[in-house]
Amino acid sequence: MVFIDAAVGKEDWSIRKISLGEHRAPLNYVFHALYPEELLRLMKLLYGKAPKAWISSIKGEDFSFGTGLSPKTKSFAEEAEIILESLIRSELKDA
């Protein structure tokens, strides 16, 4: 499972593995969204297991309403896509 996140930060893009033990806060049932770690915890509670998961954060430039990505953000996303594709192929090969 791969989560993609638009981010504000120093890195153009990053990819990291998510584990169930990372997020210790109570489950966030008040809002309309869940952290990826919370979704994995719910899957574990409901189904007895959770898939391997990664999150890719892509640096965004303009978070106003609109369509499409800026040219710079699109290039960051394309770089991350190459790495993610390699990661997924490796995981499928090892499965």
Protein backbone atom coordinates (compact mmCIF):
# COMPACT_ATOMS: atom_id res chain seq x y z
CA MET A 1 0.00 0.00 0.00
CA VAL A 2 1.39 3.39 -0.96
CA PHE A 3 0.14 6.72 0.37
CA ILE A 4 0.94 9.89 -1.55
CA ASP A 5 1.05 13.17 0.36
CA ALA A 6 1.48 16.77 -0.75
CA ALA A 7 3.91 18.31 1.71
CA VAL A 8 5.54 21.55 2.75
CA GLY A 9 9.17 20.99 3.60
CA LYS A 10 12.79 21.10 2.66
CA GLU A 11 12.95 17.84 0.69
CA ASP A 12 11.69 17.72 -2.91
CA TRP A 13 10.26 14.28 -2.20
CA SER A 14 10.73 11.41 0.21
CA ILE A 15 9.62 7.82 0.65
CA ARG A 16 9.51 6.01 3.96
CA LYS A 17 8.09 2.76 5.23
CA ILE A 18 5.22 3.05 7.71
CA SER A 19 4.98 0.74 10.66
CA LEU A 20 2.08 0.19 13.04
CA GLY A 21 4.17 1.22 16.03
CA GLU A 22 4.96 4.74 14.79
CA HIS A 23 1.74 6.52 15.69
CA ARG A 24 0.84 6.29 19.37
CA ALA A 25 -1.94 8.92 19.50
CA PRO A 26 -5.54 7.76 19.96
CA LEU A 27 -7.41 7.01 16.77
CA ASN A 28 -8.71 10.20 15.18
CA TYR A 29 -12.48 9.60 14.89
CA VAL A 30 -13.45 13.27 15.12
CA PHE A 31 -12.29 14.42 11.68
CA HIS A 32 -13.01 13.22 8.15
CA ALA A 33 -9.46 11.94 7.62
CA LEU A 34 -7.11 9.36 9.13
CA TYR A 35 -3.35 9.28 9.33
CA PRO A 36 -1.95 6.35 7.30
CA GLU A 37 -0.76 4.72 10.54
CA GLU A 38 -4.33 4.90 11.88
CA LEU A 39 -5.72 3.22 8.77
CA LEU A 40 -3.17 0.42 9.15
CA ARG A 41 -4.09 0.04 12.83
CA LEU A 42 -7.78 -0.22 11.92
CA MET A 43 -7.00 -2.84 9.27
CA LYS A 44 -5.06 -4.81 11.88
CA LEU A 45 -7.96 -4.56 14.35
CA LEU A 46 -10.62 -5.49 11.78
CA TYR A 47 -8.80 -8.11 9.70
CA GLY A 48 -6.01 -9.32 11.97
CA LYS A 49 -3.31 -8.06 9.61
CA ALA A 50 -2.20 -4.96 7.78
CA PRO A 51 -0.29 -4.69 4.51
CA LYS A 52 3.21 -3.36 4.13
CA ALA A 53 2.91 0.37 3.53
CA TRP A 54 4.96 3.36 2.46
CA ILE A 55 4.29 7.06 2.30
CA SER A 56 5.69 9.30 -0.38
CA SER A 57 5.68 13.01 0.40
CA ILE A 58 6.00 15.32 -2.58
CA LYS A 59 6.92 18.96 -2.02
CA GLY A 60 4.10 21.23 -3.15
CA GLU A 61 4.29 24.87 -4.14
CA ASP A 62 0.72 26.07 -4.44
CA PHE A 63 -1.97 24.69 -2.15
CA SER A 64 -4.80 26.92 -3.36
CA PHE A 65 -7.81 25.43 -5.12
CA GLY A 66 -7.14 24.47 -8.72
CA THR A 67 -6.31 21.59 -10.99
CA GLY A 68 -3.01 19.99 -11.82
CA LEU A 69 0.46 20.33 -10.39
CA SER A 70 2.96 23.10 -10.89
CA PRO A 71 5.78 22.18 -13.29
CA LYS A 72 8.29 21.90 -10.43
CA THR A 73 6.00 19.74 -8.27
CA LYS A 74 5.20 17.57 -11.30
CA SER A 75 8.94 16.92 -11.80
CA PHE A 76 9.30 15.97 -8.10
CA ALA A 77 6.34 13.58 -8.44
CA GLU A 78 7.84 11.99 -11.56
CA GLU A 79 11.15 11.38 -9.74
CA ALA A 80 9.33 9.78 -6.80
CA GLU A 81 7.22 7.70 -9.21
CA ILE A 82 10.34 6.04 -10.63
CA ILE A 83 11.52 5.03 -7.15
CA LEU A 84 8.04 3.87 -6.11
CA GLU A 85 7.69 1.75 -9.24
CA SER A 86 11.03 0.09 -8.47
CA LEU A 87 9.98 -0.48 -4.85
CA ILE A 88 6.67 -2.06 -5.88
CA ARG A 89 8.35 -4.31 -8.47
CA SER A 90 10.84 -5.45 -5.83
CA GLU A 91 8.08 -6.18 -3.32
CA LEU A 92 6.06 -8.15 -5.90
CA LYS A 93 9.15 -10.13 -6.90
CA ASP A 94 9.86 -11.02 -3.26
CA ALA A 95 6.23 -11.98 -2.52
